[in-house]
mmCIF file of all heavy atoms, coordinates in Angstrom:
data_MODEL
# 
_entry.id   MODEL 
# 
loop_
_atom_site.group_PDB 
_atom_site.id 
_atom_site.type_symbol 
_atom_site.label_atom_id 
_atom_site.label_alt_id 
_atom_site.label_comp_id 
_atom_site.label_asym_id 
_atom_site.label_entity_id 
_atom_site.label_seq_id 
_atom_site.pdbx_PDB_ins_code 
_atom_site.Cartn_x 
_atom_site.Cartn_y 
_atom_site.Cartn_z 
_atom_site.occupancy 
_atom_site.B_iso_or_equiv 
_atom_site.pdbx_formal_charge 
_atom_site.auth_seq_id 
_atom_site.auth_comp_id 
_atom_site.auth_asym_id 
_atom_site.auth_atom_id 
_atom_site.pdbx_PDB_model_num 
ATOM 1   N N   . LEU A 1 1  ? -19.251 -2.295  -37.964 1.00 0.00 ? 1  LEU A N   1 
ATOM 2   C CA  . LEU A 1 1  ? -20.266 -2.709  -38.923 1.00 0.00 ? 1  LEU A CA  1 
ATOM 3   C C   . LEU A 1 1  ? -20.140 -4.171  -39.317 1.00 0.00 ? 1  LEU A C   1 
ATOM 4   O O   . LEU A 1 1  ? -21.129 -4.790  -39.719 1.00 0.00 ? 1  LEU A O   1 
ATOM 5   C CB  . LEU A 1 1  ? -20.185 -1.814  -40.171 1.00 0.00 ? 1  LEU A CB  1 
ATOM 6   C CG  . LEU A 1 1  ? -21.278 -1.980  -41.228 1.00 0.00 ? 1  LEU A CG  1 
ATOM 7   C CD1 . LEU A 1 1  ? -22.670 -1.814  -40.613 1.00 0.00 ? 1  LEU A CD1 1 
ATOM 8   C CD2 . LEU A 1 1  ? -21.076 -0.996  -42.360 1.00 0.00 ? 1  LEU A CD2 1 
ATOM 9   N N   . ILE A 1 2  ? -18.963 -4.742  -39.198 1.00 0.00 ? 2  ILE A N   1 
ATOM 10  C CA  . ILE A 1 2  ? -18.761 -6.143  -39.559 1.00 0.00 ? 2  ILE A CA  1 
ATOM 11  C C   . ILE A 1 2  ? -19.211 -7.081  -38.443 1.00 0.00 ? 2  ILE A C   1 
ATOM 12  O O   . ILE A 1 2  ? -19.473 -8.261  -38.678 1.00 0.00 ? 2  ILE A O   1 
ATOM 13  C CB  . ILE A 1 2  ? -17.271 -6.393  -39.898 1.00 0.00 ? 2  ILE A CB  1 
ATOM 14  C CG1 . ILE A 1 2  ? -16.863 -5.527  -41.095 1.00 0.00 ? 2  ILE A CG1 1 
ATOM 15  C CG2 . ILE A 1 2  ? -16.990 -7.840  -40.217 1.00 0.00 ? 2  ILE A CG2 1 
ATOM 16  C CD1 . ILE A 1 2  ? -17.666 -5.789  -42.354 1.00 0.00 ? 2  ILE A CD1 1 
ATOM 17  N N   . ASP A 1 3  ? -19.334 -6.569  -37.227 1.00 0.00 ? 3  ASP A N   1 
ATOM 18  C CA  . ASP A 1 3  ? -19.646 -7.395  -36.064 1.00 0.00 ? 3  ASP A CA  1 
ATOM 19  C C   . ASP A 1 3  ? -21.142 -7.343  -35.765 1.00 0.00 ? 3  ASP A C   1 
ATOM 20  O O   . ASP A 1 3  ? -21.672 -6.296  -35.393 1.00 0.00 ? 3  ASP A O   1 
ATOM 21  C CB  . ASP A 1 3  ? -18.841 -6.914  -34.850 1.00 0.00 ? 3  ASP A CB  1 
ATOM 22  C CG  . ASP A 1 3  ? -19.147 -7.719  -33.598 1.00 0.00 ? 3  ASP A CG  1 
ATOM 23  O OD1 . ASP A 1 3  ? -18.948 -8.936  -33.617 1.00 0.00 ? 3  ASP A OD1 1 
ATOM 24  O OD2 . ASP A 1 3  ? -19.610 -7.116  -32.616 1.00 0.00 ? 3  ASP A OD2 1 
ATOM 25  N N   . ALA A 1 4  ? -21.831 -8.467  -35.913 1.00 0.00 ? 4  ALA A N   1 
ATOM 26  C CA  . ALA A 1 4  ? -23.283 -8.506  -35.763 1.00 0.00 ? 4  ALA A CA  1 
ATOM 27  C C   . ALA A 1 4  ? -23.726 -8.071  -34.375 1.00 0.00 ? 4  ALA A C   1 
ATOM 28  O O   . ALA A 1 4  ? -24.723 -7.347  -34.233 1.00 0.00 ? 4  ALA A O   1 
ATOM 29  C CB  . ALA A 1 4  ? -23.800 -9.918  -36.059 1.00 0.00 ? 4  ALA A CB  1 
ATOM 30  N N   . ARG A 1 5  ? -23.002 -8.496  -33.353 1.00 0.00 ? 5  ARG A N   1 
ATOM 31  C CA  . ARG A 1 5  ? -23.429 -8.191  -31.988 1.00 0.00 ? 5  ARG A CA  1 
ATOM 32  C C   . ARG A 1 5  ? -23.359 -6.704  -31.687 1.00 0.00 ? 5  ARG A C   1 
ATOM 33  O O   . ARG A 1 5  ? -24.284 -6.127  -31.112 1.00 0.00 ? 5  ARG A O   1 
ATOM 34  C CB  . ARG A 1 5  ? -22.569 -8.968  -30.984 1.00 0.00 ? 5  ARG A CB  1 
ATOM 35  C CG  . ARG A 1 5  ? -22.989 -8.757  -29.533 1.00 0.00 ? 5  ARG A CG  1 
ATOM 36  C CD  . ARG A 1 5  ? -22.170 -9.627  -28.589 1.00 0.00 ? 5  ARG A CD  1 
ATOM 37  N NE  . ARG A 1 5  ? -22.376 -11.043 -28.873 1.00 0.00 ? 5  ARG A NE  1 
ATOM 38  C CZ  . ARG A 1 5  ? -21.775 -12.021 -28.200 1.00 0.00 ? 5  ARG A CZ  1 
ATOM 39  N NH1 . ARG A 1 5  ? -20.921 -11.728 -27.229 1.00 0.00 ? 5  ARG A NH1 1 
ATOM 40  N NH2 . ARG A 1 5  ? -22.024 -13.281 -28.504 1.00 0.00 ? 5  ARG A NH2 1 
ATOM 41  N N   . SER A 1 6  ? -22.258 -6.057  -32.086 1.00 0.00 ? 6  SER A N   1 
ATOM 42  C CA  . SER A 1 6  ? -22.113 -4.632  -31.774 1.00 0.00 ? 6  SER A CA  1 
ATOM 43  C C   . SER A 1 6  ? -23.115 -3.795  -32.567 1.00 0.00 ? 6  SER A C   1 
ATOM 44  O O   . SER A 1 6  ? -23.588 -2.762  -32.095 1.00 0.00 ? 6  SER A O   1 
ATOM 45  C CB  . SER A 1 6  ? -20.683 -4.146  -32.030 1.00 0.00 ? 6  SER A CB  1 
ATOM 46  O OG  . SER A 1 6  ? -20.406 -4.019  -33.408 1.00 0.00 ? 6  SER A OG  1 
ATOM 47  N N   . VAL A 1 7  ? -23.466 -4.233  -33.789 1.00 0.00 ? 7  VAL A N   1 
ATOM 48  C CA  . VAL A 1 7  ? -24.461 -3.517  -34.584 1.00 0.00 ? 7  VAL A CA  1 
ATOM 49  C C   . VAL A 1 7  ? -25.848 -3.704  -33.980 1.00 0.00 ? 7  VAL A C   1 
ATOM 50  O O   . VAL A 1 7  ? -26.614 -2.741  -33.828 1.00 0.00 ? 7  VAL A O   1 
ATOM 51  C CB  . VAL A 1 7  ? -24.427 -3.994  -36.046 1.00 0.00 ? 7  VAL A CB  1 
ATOM 52  C CG1 . VAL A 1 7  ? -25.605 -3.427  -36.830 1.00 0.00 ? 7  VAL A CG1 1 
ATOM 53  C CG2 . VAL A 1 7  ? -23.123 -3.580  -36.704 1.00 0.00 ? 7  VAL A CG2 1 
ATOM 54  N N   . ALA A 1 8  ? -26.193 -4.941  -33.616 1.00 0.00 ? 8  ALA A N   1 
ATOM 55  C CA  . ALA A 1 8  ? -27.515 -5.201  -33.038 1.00 0.00 ? 8  ALA A CA  1 
ATOM 56  C C   . ALA A 1 8  ? -27.734 -4.423  -31.751 1.00 0.00 ? 8  ALA A C   1 
ATOM 57  O O   . ALA A 1 8  ? -28.861 -4.017  -31.442 1.00 0.00 ? 8  ALA A O   1 
ATOM 58  C CB  . ALA A 1 8  ? -27.671 -6.703  -32.790 1.00 0.00 ? 8  ALA A CB  1 
ATOM 59  N N   . ALA A 1 9  ? -26.650 -4.179  -31.008 1.00 0.00 ? 9  ALA A N   1 
ATOM 60  C CA  . ALA A 1 9  ? -26.771 -3.457  -29.739 1.00 0.00 ? 9  ALA A CA  1 
ATOM 61  C C   . ALA A 1 9  ? -27.236 -2.015  -29.928 1.00 0.00 ? 9  ALA A C   1 
ATOM 62  O O   . ALA A 1 9  ? -27.732 -1.396  -28.988 1.00 0.00 ? 9  ALA A O   1 
ATOM 63  C CB  . ALA A 1 9  ? -25.433 -3.472  -29.006 1.00 0.00 ? 9  ALA A CB  1 
ATOM 64  N N   . GLN A 1 10 ? -27.084 -1.480  -31.128 1.00 0.00 ? 10 GLN A N   1 
ATOM 65  C CA  . GLN A 1 10 ? -27.482 -0.085  -31.372 1.00 0.00 ? 10 GLN A CA  1 
ATOM 66  C C   . GLN A 1 10 ? -28.981 0.055   -31.614 1.00 0.00 ? 10 GLN A C   1 
ATOM 67  O O   . GLN A 1 10 ? -29.516 1.161   -31.558 1.00 0.00 ? 10 GLN A O   1 
ATOM 68  C CB  . GLN A 1 10 ? -26.727 0.485   -32.585 1.00 0.00 ? 10 GLN A CB  1 
ATOM 69  C CG  . GLN A 1 10 ? -25.233 0.231   -32.586 1.00 0.00 ? 10 GLN A CG  1 
ATOM 70  C CD  . GLN A 1 10 ? -24.544 0.661   -31.307 1.00 0.00 ? 10 GLN A CD  1 
ATOM 71  O OE1 . GLN A 1 10 ? -24.802 1.746   -30.778 1.00 0.00 ? 10 GLN A OE1 1 
ATOM 72  N NE2 . GLN A 1 10 ? -23.647 -0.182  -30.800 1.00 0.00 ? 10 GLN A NE2 1 
ATOM 73  N N   . GLY A 1 11 ? -29.670 -1.034  -31.894 1.00 0.00 ? 11 GLY A N   1 
ATOM 74  C CA  . GLY A 1 11 ? -31.099 -0.961  -32.178 1.00 0.00 ? 11 GLY A CA  1 
ATOM 75  C C   . GLY A 1 11 ? -31.356 -0.627  -33.634 1.00 0.00 ? 11 GLY A C   1 
ATOM 76  O O   . GLY A 1 11 ? -30.468 -0.694  -34.483 1.00 0.00 ? 11 GLY A O   1 
ATOM 77  N N   . ARG A 1 12 ? -32.592 -0.233  -33.925 1.00 0.00 ? 12 ARG A N   1 
ATOM 78  C CA  . ARG A 1 12 ? -32.994 0.084   -35.297 1.00 0.00 ? 12 ARG A CA  1 
ATOM 79  C C   . ARG A 1 12 ? -33.157 1.586   -35.477 1.00 0.00 ? 12 ARG A C   1 
ATOM 80  O O   . ARG A 1 12 ? -33.465 2.310   -34.525 1.00 0.00 ? 12 ARG A O   1 
ATOM 81  C CB  . ARG A 1 12 ? -34.281 -0.631  -35.673 1.00 0.00 ? 12 ARG A CB  1 
ATOM 82  C CG  . ARG A 1 12 ? -34.080 -2.098  -36.047 1.00 0.00 ? 12 ARG A CG  1 
ATOM 83  C CD  . ARG A 1 12 ? -35.323 -2.652  -36.689 1.00 0.00 ? 12 ARG A CD  1 
ATOM 84  N NE  . ARG A 1 12 ? -35.083 -3.984  -37.243 1.00 0.00 ? 12 ARG A NE  1 
ATOM 85  C CZ  . ARG A 1 12 ? -36.003 -4.674  -37.891 1.00 0.00 ? 12 ARG A CZ  1 
ATOM 86  N NH1 . ARG A 1 12 ? -37.214 -4.155  -38.082 1.00 0.00 ? 12 ARG A NH1 1 
ATOM 87  N NH2 . ARG A 1 12 ? -35.724 -5.874  -38.362 1.00 0.00 ? 12 ARG A NH2 1 
ATOM 88  N N   . PHE A 1 13 ? -32.997 2.013   -36.724 1.00 0.00 ? 13 PHE A N   1 
ATOM 89  C CA  . PHE A 1 13 ? -32.993 3.444   -37.028 1.00 0.00 ? 13 PHE A CA  1 
ATOM 90  C C   . PHE A 1 13 ? -33.915 3.752   -38.203 1.00 0.00 ? 13 PHE A C   1 
ATOM 91  O O   . PHE A 1 13 ? -34.238 2.888   -39.019 1.00 0.00 ? 13 PHE A O   1 
ATOM 92  C CB  . PHE A 1 13 ? -31.563 3.902   -37.358 1.00 0.00 ? 13 PHE A CB  1 
ATOM 93  C CG  . PHE A 1 13 ? -30.612 3.776   -36.199 1.00 0.00 ? 13 PHE A CG  1 
ATOM 94  C CD1 . PHE A 1 13 ? -29.939 2.582   -35.970 1.00 0.00 ? 13 PHE A CD1 1 
ATOM 95  C CD2 . PHE A 1 13 ? -30.410 4.840   -35.335 1.00 0.00 ? 13 PHE A CD2 1 
ATOM 96  C CE1 . PHE A 1 13 ? -29.067 2.449   -34.893 1.00 0.00 ? 13 PHE A CE1 1 
ATOM 97  C CE2 . PHE A 1 13 ? -29.541 4.712   -34.255 1.00 0.00 ? 13 PHE A CE2 1 
ATOM 98  C CZ  . PHE A 1 13 ? -28.869 3.521   -34.038 1.00 0.00 ? 13 PHE A CZ  1 
ATOM 99  N N   . ASP A 1 14 ? -34.306 5.030   -38.272 1.00 0.00 ? 14 ASP A N   1 
ATOM 100 C CA  . ASP A 1 14 ? -35.112 5.509   -39.392 1.00 0.00 ? 14 ASP A CA  1 
ATOM 101 C C   . ASP A 1 14 ? -34.233 6.029   -40.522 1.00 0.00 ? 14 ASP A C   1 
ATOM 102 O O   . ASP A 1 14 ? -34.628 5.979   -41.686 1.00 0.00 ? 14 ASP A O   1 
ATOM 103 C CB  . ASP A 1 14 ? -36.050 6.624   -38.913 1.00 0.00 ? 14 ASP A CB  1 
ATOM 104 C CG  . ASP A 1 14 ? -37.019 6.126   -37.849 1.00 0.00 ? 14 ASP A CG  1 
ATOM 105 O OD1 . ASP A 1 14 ? -37.850 5.263   -38.177 1.00 0.00 ? 14 ASP A OD1 1 
ATOM 106 O OD2 . ASP A 1 14 ? -36.924 6.584   -36.693 1.00 0.00 ? 14 ASP A OD2 1 
ATOM 107 N N   . VAL A 1 15 ? -33.054 6.545   -40.182 1.00 0.00 ? 15 VAL A N   1 
ATOM 108 C CA  . VAL A 1 15 ? -32.106 7.056   -41.177 1.00 0.00 ? 15 VAL A CA  1 
ATOM 109 C C   . VAL A 1 15 ? -30.705 6.650   -40.739 1.00 0.00 ? 15 VAL A C   1 
ATOM 110 O O   . VAL A 1 15 ? -30.352 6.775   -39.561 1.00 0.00 ? 15 VAL A O   1 
ATOM 111 C CB  . VAL A 1 15 ? -32.169 8.598   -41.304 1.00 0.00 ? 15 VAL A CB  1 
ATOM 112 C CG1 . VAL A 1 15 ? -31.262 9.064   -42.447 1.00 0.00 ? 15 VAL A CG1 1 
ATOM 113 C CG2 . VAL A 1 15 ? -33.594 9.088   -41.514 1.00 0.00 ? 15 VAL A CG2 1 
ATOM 114 N N   . ILE A 1 16 ? -29.920 6.143   -41.693 1.00 0.00 ? 16 ILE A N   1 
ATOM 115 C CA  . ILE A 1 16 ? -28.526 5.799   -41.423 1.00 0.00 ? 16 ILE A CA  1 
ATOM 116 C C   . ILE A 1 16 ? -27.635 6.542   -42.412 1.00 0.00 ? 16 ILE A C   1 
ATOM 117 O O   . ILE A 1 16 ? -27.861 6.489   -43.622 1.00 0.00 ? 16 ILE A O   1 
ATOM 118 C CB  . ILE A 1 16 ? -28.266 4.288   -41.542 1.00 0.00 ? 16 ILE A CB  1 
ATOM 119 C CG1 . ILE A 1 16 ? -29.093 3.508   -40.513 1.00 0.00 ? 16 ILE A CG1 1 
ATOM 120 C CG2 . ILE A 1 16 ? -26.771 3.984   -41.352 1.00 0.00 ? 16 ILE A CG2 1 
ATOM 121 C CD1 . ILE A 1 16 ? -28.960 1.996   -40.631 1.00 0.00 ? 16 ILE A CD1 1 
ATOM 122 N N   . PHE A 1 17 ? -26.631 7.227   -41.888 1.00 0.00 ? 17 PHE A N   1 
ATOM 123 C CA  . PHE A 1 17 ? -25.570 7.809   -42.704 1.00 0.00 ? 17 PHE A CA  1 
ATOM 124 C C   . PHE A 1 17 ? -24.349 6.894   -42.572 1.00 0.00 ? 17 PHE A C   1 
ATOM 125 O O   . PHE A 1 17 ? -23.769 6.795   -41.489 1.00 0.00 ? 17 PHE A O   1 
ATOM 126 C CB  . PHE A 1 17 ? -25.215 9.218   -42.227 1.00 0.00 ? 17 PHE A CB  1 
ATOM 127 C CG  . PHE A 1 17 ? -26.238 10.264  -42.571 1.00 0.00 ? 17 PHE A CG  1 
ATOM 128 C CD1 . PHE A 1 17 ? -27.359 10.457  -41.774 1.00 0.00 ? 17 PHE A CD1 1 
ATOM 129 C CD2 . PHE A 1 17 ? -26.077 11.067  -43.691 1.00 0.00 ? 17 PHE A CD2 1 
ATOM 130 C CE1 . PHE A 1 17 ? -28.308 11.413  -42.083 1.00 0.00 ? 17 PHE A CE1 1 
ATOM 131 C CE2 . PHE A 1 17 ? -27.019 12.031  -44.017 1.00 0.00 ? 17 PHE A CE2 1 
ATOM 132 C CZ  . PHE A 1 17 ? -28.138 12.212  -43.218 1.00 0.00 ? 17 PHE A CZ  1 
ATOM 133 N N   . CYS A 1 18 ? -23.993 6.227   -43.657 1.00 0.00 ? 18 CYS A N   1 
ATOM 134 C CA  . CYS A 1 18 ? -22.802 5.372   -43.672 1.00 0.00 ? 18 CYS A CA  1 
ATOM 135 C C   . CYS A 1 18 ? -22.003 5.770   -44.899 1.00 0.00 ? 18 CYS A C   1 
ATOM 136 O O   . CYS A 1 18 ? -22.079 5.145   -45.955 1.00 0.00 ? 18 CYS A O   1 
ATOM 137 C CB  . CYS A 1 18 ? -23.202 3.900   -43.719 1.00 0.00 ? 18 CYS A CB  1 
ATOM 138 S SG  . CYS A 1 18 ? -21.794 2.771   -43.669 1.00 0.00 ? 18 CYS A SG  1 
ATOM 139 N N   . ARG A 1 19 ? -21.212 6.801   -44.743 1.00 0.00 ? 19 ARG A N   1 
ATOM 140 C CA  . ARG A 1 19 ? -20.575 7.430   -45.902 1.00 0.00 ? 19 ARG A CA  1 
ATOM 141 C C   . ARG A 1 19 ? -19.073 7.147   -45.943 1.00 0.00 ? 19 ARG A C   1 
ATOM 142 O O   . ARG A 1 19 ? -18.385 7.276   -44.937 1.00 0.00 ? 19 ARG A O   1 
ATOM 143 C CB  . ARG A 1 19 ? -20.832 8.936   -45.874 1.00 0.00 ? 19 ARG A CB  1 
ATOM 144 C CG  . ARG A 1 19 ? -22.336 9.242   -45.829 1.00 0.00 ? 19 ARG A CG  1 
ATOM 145 C CD  . ARG A 1 19 ? -22.664 10.679  -46.090 1.00 0.00 ? 19 ARG A CD  1 
ATOM 146 N NE  . ARG A 1 19 ? -22.261 11.578  -45.027 1.00 0.00 ? 19 ARG A NE  1 
ATOM 147 C CZ  . ARG A 1 19 ? -22.713 12.840  -44.912 1.00 0.00 ? 19 ARG A CZ  1 
ATOM 148 N NH1 . ARG A 1 19 ? -23.575 13.318  -45.786 1.00 0.00 ? 19 ARG A NH1 1 
ATOM 149 N NH2 . ARG A 1 19 ? -22.295 13.613  -43.928 1.00 0.00 ? 19 ARG A NH2 1 
ATOM 150 N N   . ASN A 1 20 ? -18.623 6.753   -47.144 1.00 0.00 ? 20 ASN A N   1 
ATOM 151 C CA  . ASN A 1 20 ? -17.188 6.586   -47.414 1.00 0.00 ? 20 ASN A CA  1 
ATOM 152 C C   . ASN A 1 20 ? -16.538 5.529   -46.525 1.00 0.00 ? 20 ASN A C   1 
ATOM 153 O O   . ASN A 1 20 ? -15.394 5.680   -46.107 1.00 0.00 ? 20 ASN A O   1 
ATOM 154 C CB  . ASN A 1 20 ? -16.465 7.930   -47.272 1.00 0.00 ? 20 ASN A CB  1 
ATOM 155 C CG  . ASN A 1 20 ? -17.093 8.998   -48.142 1.00 0.00 ? 20 ASN A CG  1 
ATOM 156 O OD1 . ASN A 1 20 ? -17.316 8.785   -49.324 1.00 0.00 ? 20 ASN A OD1 1 
ATOM 157 N ND2 . ASN A 1 20 ? -17.419 10.142  -47.550 1.00 0.00 ? 20 ASN A ND2 1 
ATOM 158 N N   . LEU A 1 21 ? -17.272 4.463   -46.246 1.00 0.00 ? 21 LEU A N   1 
ATOM 159 C CA  . LEU A 1 21 ? -16.719 3.314   -45.530 1.00 0.00 ? 21 LEU A CA  1 
ATOM 160 C C   . LEU A 1 21 ? -16.624 2.107   -46.448 1.00 0.00 ? 21 LEU A C   1 
ATOM 161 O O   . LEU A 1 21 ? -15.601 1.422   -46.474 1.00 0.00 ? 21 LEU A O   1 
ATOM 162 C CB  . LEU A 1 21 ? -17.588 2.975   -44.320 1.00 0.00 ? 21 LEU A CB  1 
ATOM 163 C CG  . LEU A 1 21 ? -17.194 1.705   -43.544 1.00 0.00 ? 21 LEU A CG  1 
ATOM 164 C CD1 . LEU A 1 21 ? -15.798 1.859   -42.939 1.00 0.00 ? 21 LEU A CD1 1 
ATOM 165 C CD2 . LEU A 1 21 ? -18.211 1.384   -42.451 1.00 0.00 ? 21 LEU A CD2 1 
ATOM 166 N N   . LEU A 1 22 ? -17.660 1.846   -47.227 1.00 0.00 ? 22 LEU A N   1 
ATOM 167 C CA  . LEU A 1 22 ? -17.706 0.640   -48.042 1.00 0.00 ? 22 LEU A CA  1 
ATOM 168 C C   . LEU A 1 22 ? -16.632 0.630   -49.122 1.00 0.00 ? 22 LEU A C   1 
ATOM 169 O O   . LEU A 1 22 ? -16.276 -0.442  -49.627 1.00 0.00 ? 22 LEU A O   1 
ATOM 170 C CB  . LEU A 1 22 ? -19.093 0.493   -48.690 1.00 0.00 ? 22 LEU A CB  1 
ATOM 171 C CG  . LEU A 1 22 ? -20.278 0.441   -47.717 1.00 0.00 ? 22 LEU A CG  1 
ATOM 172 C CD1 . LEU A 1 22 ? -21.572 0.205   -48.484 1.00 0.00 ? 22 LEU A CD1 1 
ATOM 173 C CD2 . LEU A 1 22 ? -20.078 -0.633  -46.658 1.00 0.00 ? 22 LEU A CD2 1 
ATOM 174 N N   . ILE A 1 23 ? -16.089 1.790   -49.471 1.00 0.00 ? 23 ILE A N   1 
ATOM 175 C CA  . ILE A 1 23 ? -15.031 1.836   -50.488 1.00 0.00 ? 23 ILE A CA  1 
ATOM 176 C C   . ILE A 1 23 ? -13.758 1.143   -50.007 1.00 0.00 ? 23 ILE A C   1 
ATOM 177 O O   . ILE A 1 23 ? -12.906 0.786   -50.830 1.00 0.00 ? 23 ILE A O   1 
ATOM 178 C CB  . ILE A 1 23 ? -14.708 3.289   -50.909 1.00 0.00 ? 23 ILE A CB  1 
ATOM 179 C CG1 . ILE A 1 23 ? -14.333 4.138   -49.681 1.00 0.00 ? 23 ILE A CG1 1 
ATOM 180 C CG2 . ILE A 1 23 ? -15.857 3.906   -51.674 1.00 0.00 ? 23 ILE A CG2 1 
ATOM 181 C CD1 . ILE A 1 23 ? -13.909 5.563   -50.034 1.00 0.00 ? 23 ILE A CD1 1 
ATOM 182 N N   . TYR A 1 24 ? -13.621 0.919   -48.707 1.00 0.00 ? 24 TYR A N   1 
ATOM 183 C CA  . TYR A 1 24 ? -12.431 0.261   -48.168 1.00 0.00 ? 24 TYR A CA  1 
ATOM 184 C C   . TYR A 1 24 ? -12.634 -1.245  -48.005 1.00 0.00 ? 24 TYR A C   1 
ATOM 185 O O   . TYR A 1 24 ? -11.728 -1.941  -47.546 1.00 0.00 ? 24 TYR A O   1 
ATOM 186 C CB  . TYR A 1 24 ? -12.049 0.875   -46.820 1.00 0.00 ? 24 TYR A CB  1 
ATOM 187 C CG  . TYR A 1 24 ? -11.715 2.340   -46.928 1.00 0.00 ? 24 TYR A CG  1 
ATOM 188 C CD1 . TYR A 1 24 ? -12.609 3.317   -46.512 1.00 0.00 ? 24 TYR A CD1 1 
ATOM 189 C CD2 . TYR A 1 24 ? -10.505 2.759   -47.482 1.00 0.00 ? 24 TYR A CD2 1 
ATOM 190 C CE1 . TYR A 1 24 ? -12.310 4.671   -46.618 1.00 0.00 ? 24 TYR A CE1 1 
ATOM 191 C CE2 . TYR A 1 24 ? -10.190 4.104   -47.606 1.00 0.00 ? 24 TYR A CE2 1 
ATOM 192 C CZ  . TYR A 1 24 ? -11.106 5.056   -47.174 1.00 0.00 ? 24 TYR A CZ  1 
ATOM 193 O OH  . TYR A 1 24 ? -10.804 6.398   -47.294 1.00 0.00 ? 24 TYR A OH  1 
# 
C-alpha cells in the first residue's frame, strides 16, 4: 500500500476492504 507502482498495477475498484492495517 505504501508503494505507488504496486498499487497502481492493481487497477481501480468499486469496493476496498483495508482492515486493521492503518493502526500499524
